[in-house]
C-alpha atoms as a PDB file:
ATOM      1  CA  MET A   1      22.967  -4.566 -39.503  1.00  0.00           C
ATOM      2  CA  GLY A   2      23.686  -6.851 -36.722  1.00  0.00           C
ATOM      3  CA  ARG A   3      26.613  -8.082 -36.546  1.00  0.00           C
ATOM      4  CA  SER A   4      27.894 -11.566 -37.761  1.00  0.00           C
ATOM      5  CA  SER A   5      28.045 -14.658 -35.937  1.00  0.00           C
ATOM      6  CA  ARG A   6      32.160 -16.516 -35.661  1.00  0.00           C
ATOM      7  CA  ARG A   7      30.347 -19.461 -36.720  1.00  0.00           C
ATOM      8  CA  VAL A   8      29.114 -17.463 -40.586  1.00  0.00           C
ATOM      9  CA  VAL A   9      32.355 -15.990 -40.337  1.00  0.00           C
ATOM     10  CA  GLU A  10      34.596 -18.804 -39.737  1.00  0.00           C
ATOM     11  CA  CYS A  11      32.245 -20.702 -42.680  1.00  0.00           C
ATOM     12  CA  THR A  12      33.023 -17.531 -45.027  1.00  0.00           C
ATOM     13  CA  GLU A  13      36.313 -18.073 -44.260  1.00  0.00           C
ATOM     14  CA  ASN A  14      36.201 -21.659 -44.764  1.00  0.00           C
ATOM     15  CA  ALA A  15      34.294 -21.544 -48.123  1.00  0.00           C
ATOM     16  CA  ILE A  16      36.815 -18.889 -49.104  1.00  0.00           C
ATOM     17  CA  LEU A  17      39.761 -20.564 -48.563  1.00  0.00           C
ATOM     18  CA  ALA A  18      38.139 -24.010 -50.826  1.00  0.00           C
ATOM     19  CA  VAL A  19      37.174 -20.915 -53.206  1.00  0.00           C
ATOM     20  CA  ILE A  20      41.289 -20.019 -53.637  1.00  0.00           C
ATOM     21  CA  GLU A  21      42.316 -24.084 -53.504  1.00  0.00           C
ATOM     22  CA  GLN A  22      40.346 -24.494 -56.661  1.00  0.00           C
ATOM     23  CA  ALA A  23      40.764 -21.788 -58.950  1.00  0.00           C
ATOM     24  CA  SER A  24      44.519 -21.242 -57.980  1.00  0.00           C
ATOM     25  CA  SER A  25      47.797 -23.857 -59.578  1.00  0.00           C
ATOM     26  CA  PRO A  26      51.825 -23.354 -58.483  1.00  0.00           C
ATOM     27  CA  ARG A  27      52.511 -21.306 -61.750  1.00  0.00           C
ATOM     28  CA  ARG A  28      49.291 -19.023 -61.172  1.00  0.00           C
ATOM     29  CA  PRO A  29      47.061 -17.533 -58.191  1.00  0.00           C
ATOM     30  CA  ALA A  30      42.894 -17.499 -57.771  1.00  0.00           C
ATOM     31  CA  CYS A  31      42.561 -14.010 -59.398  1.00  0.00           C
ATOM     32  CA  LEU A  32      38.843 -13.501 -57.497  1.00  0.00           C
ATOM     33  CA  SER A  33      37.320  -9.350 -57.398  1.00  0.00           C
ATOM     34  CA  HIS A  34      35.783  -9.386 -53.862  1.00  0.00           C
ATOM     35  CA  ARG A  35      32.229  -9.015 -56.452  1.00  0.00           C
ATOM     36  CA  ASP A  36      32.767 -12.614 -57.753  1.00  0.00           C
ATOM     37  CA  LEU A  37      33.328 -14.144 -54.139  1.00  0.00           C
ATOM     38  CA  ALA A  38      30.504 -12.730 -52.879  1.00  0.00           C
ATOM     39  CA  ARG A  39      27.720 -13.844 -56.121  1.00  0.00           C
ATOM     40  CA  ASP A  40      29.754 -17.312 -55.943  1.00  0.00           C
ATOM     41  CA  LEU A  41      29.520 -18.024 -52.252  1.00  0.00           C
ATOM     42  CA  GLY A  42      26.033 -16.119 -51.887  1.00  0.00           C
ATOM     43  CA  VAL A  43      27.137 -13.482 -49.481  1.00  0.00           C
ATOM     44  CA  SER A  44      27.470  -9.563 -49.377  1.00  0.00           C
ATOM     45  CA  GLU A  45      30.892  -7.973 -50.063  1.00  0.00           C
ATOM     46  CA  SER A  46      31.369  -6.782 -47.074  1.00  0.00           C
ATOM     47  CA  ARG A  47      31.129  -9.835 -45.308  1.00  0.00           C
ATOM     48  CA  VAL A  48      33.929 -10.638 -48.111  1.00  0.00           C
ATOM     49  CA  ARG A  49      36.406  -8.636 -47.374  1.00  0.00           C
ATOM     50  CA  HIS A  50      36.458  -8.854 -43.802  1.00  0.00           C
ATOM     51  CA  ALA A  51      36.164 -12.803 -44.151  1.00  0.00           C
ATOM     52  CA  ARG A  52      39.409 -12.159 -46.792  1.00  0.00           C
ATOM     53  CA  ARG A  53      40.759  -9.929 -44.151  1.00  0.00           C
ATOM     54  CA  ARG A  54      40.524 -12.275 -40.969  1.00  0.00           C
ATOM     55  CA  LEU A  55      42.088 -14.135 -43.613  1.00  0.00           C
ATOM     56  CA  VAL A  56      45.246 -12.593 -44.677  1.00  0.00           C
ATOM     57  CA  ASP A  57      45.961 -11.117 -41.097  1.00  0.00           C
ATOM     58  CA  ALA A  58      46.012 -15.257 -39.553  1.00  0.00           C
ATOM     59  CA  GLY A  59      49.213 -15.762 -42.515  1.00  0.00           C
ATOM     60  CA  LEU A  60      45.703 -18.227 -44.273  1.00  0.00           C
ATOM     61  CA  VAL A  61      46.164 -16.686 -47.146  1.00  0.00           C
ATOM     62  CA  THR A  62      48.790 -14.224 -49.168  1.00  0.00           C
ATOM     63  CA  VAL A  63      47.625 -11.752 -51.947  1.00  0.00           C
ATOM     64  CA  GLU A  64      49.840 -10.664 -55.321  1.00  0.00           C
ATOM     65  CA  SER A  65      48.529  -7.141 -56.541  1.00  0.00           C
ATOM     66  CA  ARG A  66      47.713  -7.170 -59.514  1.00  0.00           C
ATOM     67  CA  HIS A  67      47.562  -4.447 -62.677  1.00  0.00           C
ATOM     68  CA  ALA A  68      47.026  -3.830 -65.755  1.00  0.00           C
ATOM     69  CA  SER A  69      49.352  -2.357 -68.487  1.00  0.00           C
ATOM     70  CA  ASP A  70      47.422   1.030 -68.226  1.00  0.00           C
ATOM     71  CA  GLY A  71      48.129   1.001 -64.712  1.00  0.00           C
ATOM     72  CA  GLY A  72      44.509  -0.322 -63.511  1.00  0.00           C
ATOM     73  CA  GLN A  73      43.635  -2.073 -61.090  1.00  0.00           C
ATOM     74  CA  LEU A  74      43.174  -5.633 -62.089  1.00  0.00           C
ATOM     75  CA  ALA A  75      41.058  -8.588 -59.377  1.00  0.00           C
ATOM     76  CA  ASN A  76      43.949  -9.485 -56.422  1.00  0.00           C
ATOM     77  CA  GLY A  77      45.371 -12.947 -57.255  1.00  0.00           C
ATOM     78  CA  TYR A  78      44.922 -15.417 -53.870  1.00  0.00           C
ATOM     79  CA  ARG A  79      47.333 -17.929 -53.197  1.00  0.00           C
ATOM     80  CA  LEU A  80      46.481 -20.311 -49.437  1.00  0.00           C
ATOM     81  CA  THR A  81      49.749 -20.048 -47.452  1.00  0.00           C
ATOM     82  CA  GLN A  82      50.981 -24.215 -46.005  1.00  0.00           C
ATOM     83  CA  THR A  83      48.755 -23.297 -43.018  1.00  0.00           C
ATOM     84  CA  GLY A  84      45.682 -22.594 -45.027  1.00  0.00           C
ATOM     85  CA  ARG A  85      46.248 -25.456 -46.842  1.00  0.00           C
ATOM     86  CA  GLU A  86      46.591 -27.124 -43.703  1.00  0.00           C
ATOM     87  CA  ARG A  87      43.228 -25.705 -42.346  1.00  0.00           C
ATOM     88  CA  LEU A  88      41.633 -26.575 -45.758  1.00  0.00           C
ATOM     89  CA  LYS A  89      42.731 -30.026 -44.877  1.00  0.00           C
ATOM     90  CA  ARG A  90      41.793 -30.396 -41.411  1.00  0.00           C
ATOM     91  CA  LEU A  91      38.575 -29.075 -42.243  1.00  0.00           C
ATOM     92  CA  CYS A  92      37.604 -31.386 -45.100  1.00  0.00           C
ATOM     93  CA  ALA A  93      38.927 -33.762 -42.993  1.00  0.00           C
ATOM     94  CA  THR A  94      36.245 -33.182 -39.983  1.00  0.00           C
ATOM     95  CA  SER A  95      33.511 -32.520 -42.141  1.00  0.00           C
ATOM     96  CA  HIS A  96      34.099 -35.796 -44.129  1.00  0.00           C
ATOM     97  CA  ASP A  97      33.687 -37.650 -40.672  1.00  0.00           C
ATOM     98  CA  ALA A  98      31.654 -36.170 -39.931  1.00  0.00           C
ATOM     99  CA  GLY A  99      29.135 -37.387 -42.983  1.00  0.00           C
ATOM    100  CA  ALA A 100      28.720 -33.274 -44.089  1.00  0.00           C
ATOM    101  CA  GLU A 101      29.383 -31.777 -47.696  1.00  0.00           C
ATOM    102  CA  ALA A 102      32.336 -29.345 -48.105  1.00  0.00           C
ATOM    103  CA  PRO A 103      31.635 -26.357 -48.088  1.00  0.00           C
ATOM    104  CA  GLN A 104      29.598 -25.245 -51.461  1.00  0.00           C
ATOM    105  CA  VAL A 105      30.381 -22.618 -53.480  1.00  0.00           C
ATOM    106  CA  ARG A 106      27.466 -21.751 -56.528  1.00  0.00           C
ATOM    107  CA  SER A 107      28.677 -21.843 -60.306  1.00  0.00           C
ATOM    108  CA  ARG A 108      30.615 -19.754 -62.181  1.00  0.00           C
ATOM    109  CA  ASP A 109      29.555 -21.135 -65.425  1.00  0.00           C
ATOM    110  CA  PRO A 110      27.979 -18.259 -67.726  1.00  0.00           C
ATOM    111  CA  SER A 111      24.883 -20.693 -69.393  1.00  0.00           C
ATOM    112  CA  ARG A 112      23.899 -21.678 -65.477  1.00  0.00           C
ATOM    113  CA  GLU A 113      23.552 -18.236 -65.309  1.00  0.00           C
ATOM    114  CA  ARG A 114      22.389 -17.447 -68.084  1.00  0.00           C
ATOM    115  CA  ASP A 115      19.119 -19.944 -67.615  1.00  0.00           C
ATOM    116  CA  ARG A 116      18.868 -18.694 -63.306  1.00  0.00           C
ATOM    117  CA  ALA A 117      18.003 -15.517 -64.755  1.00  0.00           C
ATOM    118  CA  LEU A 118      16.232 -16.218 -68.029  1.00  0.00           C
ATOM    119  CA  GLU A 119      13.776 -19.053 -64.734  1.00  0.00           C
ATOM    120  CA  SER A 120      13.600 -15.959 -62.842  1.00  0.00           C
ATOM    121  CA  ALA A 121      12.142 -12.416 -65.434  1.00  0.00           C
END
């Protein structure tokens, strides 16, 4: 397996920032598993883990560990830091000025996923 180009890594990071922003609120973090993020973005789980680690290391995202009442690990909670929100805002402004679209995220609507699965069967 080859190494990802810097552009691919940055695109994945930007898409993760957009997903976290869309899925979180001031009171609630975005609770997303690597598997869900990978599926929604159309990339591998390892690419998501790598990009998430870079975002955390850069101070753009914070991670909140979550556990069930029985002690089992739940999907982590993610929040954008102020720096992360600023990067996403710059990205959206740059994309808008260039006539590009915001990072694309696949729908998590279960009916759409079911329809897609039926079409491919």
